Amino acid sequence: MISTKGKRKLIYQGVAYYWYIAKTDDDHPVIHISSEDKKVHLTFPFDKELSVGTHYIEDILSRNL
């Protein structure tokens, strides 16, 4: 199990994923996505102008799993 505090939950293809946005040291936002069992951990930089929501995270998962 991972700590879920401050993370959003998404069920994708029957697997629970948790995601959050954090900034790097040089102030660029990065999306972190982890599976509940810790087998998957993805990080993606993104443009601050984009709206990030469930559909955006599902799109990332569909392209990378």
N, C-alpha and C. Protein backbone atom coordinates (compact mmCIF):
# COMPACT_ATOMS: atom_id res chain seq x y z
N MET A 1 0.84 -1.19 0.00
CA MET A 1 0.00 0.00 0.00
C MET A 1 0.88 1.25 0.00
N ILE A 2 0.36 2.27 -0.62
CA ILE A 2 1.04 3.55 -0.61
C ILE A 2 0.24 4.53 0.24
N SER A 3 0.88 5.58 0.65
CA SER A 3 0.18 6.63 1.38
C SER A 3 -0.74 7.34 0.40
N THR A 4 -1.99 7.46 0.76
CA THR A 4 -2.96 8.08 -0.13
C THR A 4 -3.28 9.52 0.26
N LYS A 5 -2.69 10.01 1.31
CA LYS A 5 -2.98 11.36 1.77
C LYS A 5 -2.52 12.38 0.73
N GLY A 6 -3.42 13.25 0.32
CA GLY A 6 -3.10 14.29 -0.64
C GLY A 6 -3.05 13.82 -2.08
N LYS A 7 -3.52 12.59 -2.34
CA LYS A 7 -3.50 12.04 -3.70
C LYS A 7 -4.93 11.77 -4.16
N ARG A 8 -5.11 11.79 -5.48
CA ARG A 8 -6.41 11.48 -6.05
C ARG A 8 -6.40 10.04 -6.54
N LYS A 9 -7.53 9.38 -6.39
CA LYS A 9 -7.64 7.98 -6.77
C LYS A 9 -8.33 7.84 -8.11
N LEU A 10 -7.85 6.89 -8.90
CA LEU A 10 -8.44 6.59 -10.20
C LEU A 10 -8.39 5.08 -10.40
N ILE A 11 -9.52 4.49 -10.76
CA ILE A 11 -9.57 3.07 -11.10
C ILE A 11 -9.47 2.98 -12.62
N TYR A 12 -8.42 2.32 -13.11
CA TYR A 12 -8.21 2.17 -14.55
C TYR A 12 -7.98 0.70 -14.84
N GLN A 13 -8.83 0.12 -15.66
CA GLN A 13 -8.78 -1.30 -16.01
C GLN A 13 -8.72 -2.19 -14.77
N GLY A 14 -9.50 -1.84 -13.77
CA GLY A 14 -9.60 -2.65 -12.58
C GLY A 14 -8.49 -2.49 -11.56
N VAL A 15 -7.55 -1.58 -11.82
CA VAL A 15 -6.42 -1.35 -10.92
C VAL A 15 -6.53 0.07 -10.35
N ALA A 16 -6.28 0.20 -9.05
CA ALA A 16 -6.32 1.51 -8.40
C ALA A 16 -4.99 2.23 -8.60
N TYR A 17 -5.08 3.46 -9.09
CA TYR A 17 -3.91 4.33 -9.24
C TYR A 17 -4.15 5.59 -8.44
N TYR A 18 -3.06 6.14 -7.90
CA TYR A 18 -3.13 7.40 -7.17
C TYR A 18 -2.22 8.39 -7.85
N TRP A 19 -2.69 9.63 -7.98
CA TRP A 19 -1.88 10.62 -8.66
C TRP A 19 -1.92 11.95 -7.93
N TYR A 20 -0.84 12.71 -8.14
CA TYR A 20 -0.74 14.05 -7.57
C TYR A 20 0.23 14.87 -8.42
N ILE A 21 0.20 16.15 -8.21
CA ILE A 21 1.08 17.07 -8.93
C ILE A 21 2.03 17.70 -7.92
N ALA A 22 3.31 17.70 -8.25
CA ALA A 22 4.33 18.34 -7.41
C ALA A 22 5.23 19.16 -8.31
N LYS A 23 5.94 20.09 -7.72
CA LYS A 23 6.87 20.92 -8.48
C LYS A 23 8.29 20.43 -8.28
N THR A 24 9.10 20.55 -9.33
CA THR A 24 10.50 20.19 -9.24
C THR A 24 11.26 21.33 -8.57
N ASP A 25 12.54 21.14 -8.36
CA ASP A 25 13.36 22.17 -7.74
C ASP A 25 13.38 23.47 -8.54
N ASP A 26 13.25 23.34 -9.87
CA ASP A 26 13.24 24.55 -10.71
C ASP A 26 11.82 25.02 -11.03
N ASP A 27 10.85 24.64 -10.19
CA ASP A 27 9.48 25.15 -10.21
C ASP A 27 8.65 24.70 -11.41
N HIS A 28 8.96 23.54 -12.00
CA HIS A 28 8.15 22.98 -13.08
C HIS A 28 7.24 21.91 -12.51
N PRO A 29 5.94 21.93 -12.88
CA PRO A 29 5.02 20.91 -12.35
C PRO A 29 5.23 19.55 -13.00
N VAL A 30 5.08 18.51 -12.19
CA VAL A 30 5.24 17.13 -12.64
C VAL A 30 4.09 16.31 -12.07
N ILE A 31 3.50 15.46 -12.92
CA ILE A 31 2.45 14.56 -12.48
C ILE A 31 3.09 13.24 -12.06
N HIS A 32 2.73 12.76 -10.88
CA HIS A 32 3.20 11.47 -10.38
C HIS A 32 2.00 10.53 -10.33
N ILE A 33 2.14 9.35 -10.93
CA ILE A 33 1.07 8.35 -10.94
C ILE A 33 1.66 7.04 -10.42
N SER A 34 1.02 6.46 -9.40
CA SER A 34 1.50 5.20 -8.83
C SER A 34 0.34 4.23 -8.68
N SER A 35 0.61 2.95 -8.92
CA SER A 35 -0.40 1.93 -8.67
C SER A 35 -0.41 1.64 -7.17
N GLU A 36 -1.54 1.13 -6.71
CA GLU A 36 -1.68 0.86 -5.28
C GLU A 36 -0.66 -0.17 -4.79
N ASP A 37 -0.29 -1.12 -5.65
CA ASP A 37 0.67 -2.15 -5.27
C ASP A 37 2.13 -1.74 -5.53
N LYS A 38 2.34 -0.51 -5.96
CA LYS A 38 3.67 0.08 -6.21
C LYS A 38 4.42 -0.54 -7.39
N LYS A 39 3.75 -1.32 -8.21
CA LYS A 39 4.42 -1.91 -9.37
C LYS A 39 4.60 -0.91 -10.50
N VAL A 40 3.77 0.11 -10.52
CA VAL A 40 3.84 1.14 -11.56
C VAL A 40 4.06 2.49 -10.91
N HIS A 41 5.06 3.22 -11.38
CA HIS A 41 5.25 4.60 -10.95
C HIS A 41 5.69 5.40 -12.17
N LEU A 42 4.86 6.36 -12.58
CA LEU A 42 5.12 7.18 -13.74
C LEU A 42 5.23 8.63 -13.32
N THR A 43 6.11 9.37 -13.98
CA THR A 43 6.20 10.82 -13.77
C THR A 43 6.22 11.49 -15.13
N PHE A 44 5.48 12.58 -15.23
CA PHE A 44 5.38 13.32 -16.48
C PHE A 44 5.37 14.81 -16.21
N PRO A 45 6.26 15.55 -16.87
CA PRO A 45 6.15 17.02 -16.81
C PRO A 45 4.95 17.45 -17.63
N PHE A 46 4.38 18.58 -17.31
CA PHE A 46 3.26 19.07 -18.11
C PHE A 46 3.24 20.59 -18.11
N ASP A 47 2.50 21.11 -19.05
CA ASP A 47 2.36 22.55 -19.23
C ASP A 47 1.33 23.08 -18.23
N LYS A 48 1.66 24.14 -17.55
CA LYS A 48 0.76 24.72 -16.55
C LYS A 48 -0.57 25.17 -17.15
N GLU A 49 -0.60 25.38 -18.46
CA GLU A 49 -1.81 25.86 -19.12
C GLU A 49 -2.83 24.74 -19.33
N LEU A 50 -2.43 23.49 -19.22
CA LEU A 50 -3.34 22.38 -19.43
C LEU A 50 -4.20 22.13 -18.20
N SER A 51 -5.40 21.68 -18.45
CA SER A 51 -6.28 21.28 -17.36
C SER A 51 -6.04 19.79 -17.09
N VAL A 52 -5.69 19.47 -15.88
CA VAL A 52 -5.39 18.08 -15.53
C VAL A 52 -6.55 17.52 -14.74
N GLY A 53 -7.09 16.43 -15.24
CA GLY A 53 -8.20 15.76 -14.57
C GLY A 53 -8.14 14.28 -14.86
N THR A 54 -9.21 13.59 -14.54
CA THR A 54 -9.26 12.14 -14.69
C THR A 54 -9.01 11.69 -16.12
N HIS A 55 -9.60 12.38 -17.09
CA HIS A 55 -9.42 11.98 -18.49
C HIS A 55 -7.97 12.13 -18.93
N TYR A 56 -7.30 13.15 -18.47
CA TYR A 56 -5.88 13.36 -18.81
C TYR A 56 -5.02 12.23 -18.23
N ILE A 57 -5.29 11.84 -17.00
CA ILE A 57 -4.54 10.76 -16.35
C ILE A 57 -4.83 9.43 -17.04
N GLU A 58 -6.09 9.17 -17.41
CA GLU A 58 -6.43 7.95 -18.14
C GLU A 58 -5.70 7.89 -19.48
N ASP A 59 -5.57 9.02 -20.15
CA ASP A 59 -4.86 9.08 -21.41
C ASP A 59 -3.38 8.73 -21.23
N ILE A 60 -2.77 9.25 -20.19
CA ILE A 60 -1.36 8.92 -19.88
C ILE A 60 -1.22 7.42 -19.63
N LEU A 61 -2.12 6.86 -18.83
CA LEU A 61 -2.06 5.43 -18.52
C LEU A 61 -2.25 4.59 -19.78
N SER A 62 -3.19 4.98 -20.64
CA SER A 62 -3.44 4.18 -21.84
C SER A 62 -2.25 4.19 -22.79
N ARG A 63 -1.48 5.27 -22.81
CA ARG A 63 -0.30 5.36 -23.69
C ARG A 63 0.94 4.69 -23.10
N ASN A 64 0.95 4.44 -21.79
CA ASN A 64 2.18 3.97 -21.15
C ASN A 64 2.09 2.63 -20.44
N LEU A 65 0.95 1.99 -20.49
CA LEU A 65 0.84 0.66 -19.85
C LEU A 65 0.69 -0.42 -20.89
